[in-house]
Amino acid sequence: MNVEEFRKMTSPQLNEELMALLRKQFNLRMQKGSGQEPKSSEVRAVRKDIARLKTVLREMQK
């Protein structure tokens, strides 16, 4: 997702999306630990989406 899409969401929606992304990141780490190699681009994209979302949440708090 991009920043404009995150900015259109409400705070509860953003928190729900954050939890979903953190679950996805956890699942990708577990895949890596069990020997399955997830796509590196997917890991990177999830990490960047989490950072974007946290940035928007922080902007909303100010």
N, C-alpha and C. Protein backbone atom coordinates (compact mmCIF):
# COMPACT_ATOMS: atom_id res chain seq x y z
N MET A 1 0.84 -1.18 0.00
CA MET A 1 0.00 0.00 0.00
C MET A 1 0.89 1.24 0.00
N ASN A 2 0.30 2.36 -0.40
CA ASN A 2 1.09 3.58 -0.34
C ASN A 2 0.54 4.50 0.74
N VAL A 3 1.23 5.58 0.98
CA VAL A 3 0.94 6.45 2.11
C VAL A 3 -0.45 7.09 1.98
N GLU A 4 -0.85 7.46 0.78
CA GLU A 4 -2.16 8.09 0.60
C GLU A 4 -3.28 7.15 1.04
N GLU A 5 -3.15 5.88 0.76
CA GLU A 5 -4.16 4.90 1.17
C GLU A 5 -4.21 4.80 2.69
N PHE A 6 -3.06 4.85 3.33
CA PHE A 6 -3.03 4.79 4.79
C PHE A 6 -3.64 6.05 5.41
N ARG A 7 -3.40 7.19 4.80
CA ARG A 7 -3.91 8.44 5.35
C ARG A 7 -5.43 8.54 5.25
N LYS A 8 -6.05 7.83 4.34
CA LYS A 8 -7.51 7.84 4.20
C LYS A 8 -8.19 6.97 5.25
N MET A 9 -7.43 6.11 5.92
CA MET A 9 -8.00 5.19 6.90
C MET A 9 -8.15 5.87 8.26
N THR A 10 -9.06 5.32 9.07
CA THR A 10 -9.22 5.81 10.43
C THR A 10 -8.20 5.12 11.33
N SER A 11 -8.08 5.62 12.54
CA SER A 11 -7.11 5.07 13.48
C SER A 11 -7.36 3.58 13.79
N PRO A 12 -8.62 3.16 14.06
CA PRO A 12 -8.85 1.73 14.30
C PRO A 12 -8.53 0.86 13.09
N GLN A 13 -8.80 1.37 11.90
CA GLN A 13 -8.47 0.62 10.68
C GLN A 13 -6.96 0.49 10.53
N LEU A 14 -6.24 1.55 10.86
CA LEU A 14 -4.77 1.51 10.78
C LEU A 14 -4.20 0.50 11.76
N ASN A 15 -4.75 0.48 12.98
CA ASN A 15 -4.26 -0.49 13.97
C ASN A 15 -4.55 -1.92 13.52
N GLU A 16 -5.70 -2.13 12.92
CA GLU A 16 -6.04 -3.47 12.41
C GLU A 16 -5.10 -3.88 11.29
N GLU A 17 -4.81 -2.94 10.40
CA GLU A 17 -3.89 -3.21 9.29
C GLU A 17 -2.48 -3.48 9.82
N LEU A 18 -2.07 -2.74 10.85
CA LEU A 18 -0.76 -2.95 11.45
C LEU A 18 -0.65 -4.35 12.02
N MET A 19 -1.67 -4.80 12.72
CA MET A 19 -1.65 -6.16 13.29
C MET A 19 -1.57 -7.21 12.18
N ALA A 20 -2.29 -6.98 11.09
CA ALA A 20 -2.25 -7.93 9.97
C ALA A 20 -0.85 -7.98 9.35
N LEU A 21 -0.21 -6.83 9.20
CA LEU A 21 1.13 -6.79 8.63
C LEU A 21 2.15 -7.44 9.56
N LEU A 22 2.00 -7.21 10.86
CA LEU A 22 2.92 -7.84 11.81
C LEU A 22 2.76 -9.36 11.81
N ARG A 23 1.52 -9.84 11.66
CA ARG A 23 1.29 -11.29 11.56
C ARG A 23 1.93 -11.85 10.30
N LYS A 24 1.79 -11.11 9.20
CA LYS A 24 2.38 -11.54 7.94
C LYS A 24 3.90 -11.60 8.04
N GLN A 25 4.50 -10.59 8.69
CA GLN A 25 5.94 -10.58 8.89
C GLN A 25 6.38 -11.77 9.74
N PHE A 26 5.63 -12.05 10.79
CA PHE A 26 5.94 -13.19 11.65
C PHE A 26 5.87 -14.50 10.86
N ASN A 27 4.83 -14.66 10.05
CA ASN A 27 4.70 -15.88 9.25
C ASN A 27 5.85 -16.04 8.27
N LEU A 28 6.30 -14.93 7.68
CA LEU A 28 7.43 -15.00 6.76
C LEU A 28 8.71 -15.41 7.50
N ARG A 29 8.89 -14.90 8.72
CA ARG A 29 10.07 -15.29 9.51
C ARG A 29 10.00 -16.77 9.88
N MET A 30 8.81 -17.27 10.19
CA MET A 30 8.66 -18.68 10.54
C MET A 30 8.93 -19.57 9.32
N GLN A 31 8.51 -19.12 8.14
CA GLN A 31 8.82 -19.87 6.92
C GLN A 31 10.33 -19.97 6.73
N LYS A 32 11.01 -18.88 6.95
CA LYS A 32 12.46 -18.87 6.79
C LYS A 32 13.10 -19.81 7.81
N GLY A 33 12.60 -19.80 9.03
CA GLY A 33 13.15 -20.65 10.08
C GLY A 33 12.92 -22.12 9.84
N SER A 34 11.82 -22.45 9.15
CA SER A 34 11.51 -23.86 8.92
C SER A 34 12.17 -24.40 7.64
N GLY A 35 12.95 -23.56 6.98
CA GLY A 35 13.67 -24.05 5.81
C GLY A 35 13.07 -23.61 4.49
N GLN A 36 11.82 -23.13 4.51
CA GLN A 36 11.23 -22.61 3.28
C GLN A 36 11.77 -21.20 3.09
N GLU A 37 12.16 -20.87 1.91
CA GLU A 37 12.73 -19.56 1.67
C GLU A 37 11.66 -18.65 1.06
N PRO A 38 11.13 -17.69 1.85
CA PRO A 38 10.14 -16.76 1.28
C PRO A 38 10.81 -15.79 0.32
N LYS A 39 10.01 -15.15 -0.52
CA LYS A 39 10.56 -14.19 -1.46
C LYS A 39 11.16 -13.02 -0.68
N SER A 40 12.37 -12.67 -1.00
CA SER A 40 13.02 -11.57 -0.29
C SER A 40 12.31 -10.26 -0.57
N SER A 41 11.74 -10.12 -1.76
CA SER A 41 11.02 -8.88 -2.08
C SER A 41 9.76 -8.73 -1.23
N GLU A 42 9.13 -9.86 -0.91
CA GLU A 42 7.92 -9.82 -0.08
C GLU A 42 8.27 -9.42 1.35
N VAL A 43 9.37 -9.94 1.88
CA VAL A 43 9.82 -9.59 3.23
C VAL A 43 10.11 -8.10 3.29
N ARG A 44 10.80 -7.60 2.30
CA ARG A 44 11.16 -6.19 2.25
C ARG A 44 9.92 -5.31 2.13
N ALA A 45 8.96 -5.71 1.30
CA ALA A 45 7.75 -4.93 1.10
C ALA A 45 6.92 -4.85 2.38
N VAL A 46 6.81 -5.96 3.11
CA VAL A 46 6.05 -5.96 4.36
C VAL A 46 6.73 -5.05 5.38
N ARG A 47 8.03 -5.12 5.46
CA ARG A 47 8.77 -4.29 6.41
C ARG A 47 8.58 -2.80 6.10
N LYS A 48 8.59 -2.44 4.83
CA LYS A 48 8.41 -1.04 4.44
C LYS A 48 6.97 -0.59 4.67
N ASP A 49 6.00 -1.47 4.43
CA ASP A 49 4.60 -1.13 4.70
C ASP A 49 4.38 -0.87 6.18
N ILE A 50 5.00 -1.67 7.04
CA ILE A 50 4.89 -1.46 8.48
C ILE A 50 5.46 -0.10 8.85
N ALA A 51 6.59 0.26 8.29
CA ALA A 51 7.21 1.54 8.59
C ALA A 51 6.33 2.70 8.12
N ARG A 52 5.75 2.58 6.92
CA ARG A 52 4.86 3.62 6.41
C ARG A 52 3.64 3.79 7.31
N LEU A 53 3.07 2.67 7.71
CA LEU A 53 1.88 2.71 8.54
C LEU A 53 2.18 3.33 9.90
N LYS A 54 3.29 2.96 10.50
CA LYS A 54 3.66 3.53 11.79
C LYS A 54 3.92 5.04 11.67
N THR A 55 4.46 5.47 10.55
CA THR A 55 4.69 6.89 10.32
C THR A 55 3.37 7.65 10.27
N VAL A 56 2.40 7.10 9.56
CA VAL A 56 1.09 7.75 9.46
C VAL A 56 0.40 7.77 10.83
N LEU A 57 0.51 6.69 11.59
CA LEU A 57 -0.08 6.67 12.94
C LEU A 57 0.56 7.75 13.80
N ARG A 58 1.85 7.90 13.71
CA ARG A 58 2.56 8.90 14.51
C ARG A 58 2.15 10.31 14.09
N GLU A 59 1.96 10.53 12.78
CA GLU A 59 1.51 11.84 12.31
C GLU A 59 0.12 12.16 12.85
N MET A 60 -0.74 11.15 12.95
CA MET A 60 -2.10 11.36 13.44
C MET A 60 -2.11 11.70 14.93
N GLN A 61 -1.13 11.21 15.67
CA GLN A 61 -1.06 11.48 17.10
C GLN A 61 -0.69 12.93 17.40
N LYS A 62 0.05 13.54 16.50
CA LYS A 62 0.51 14.91 16.74
C LYS A 62 -0.58 15.91 16.49
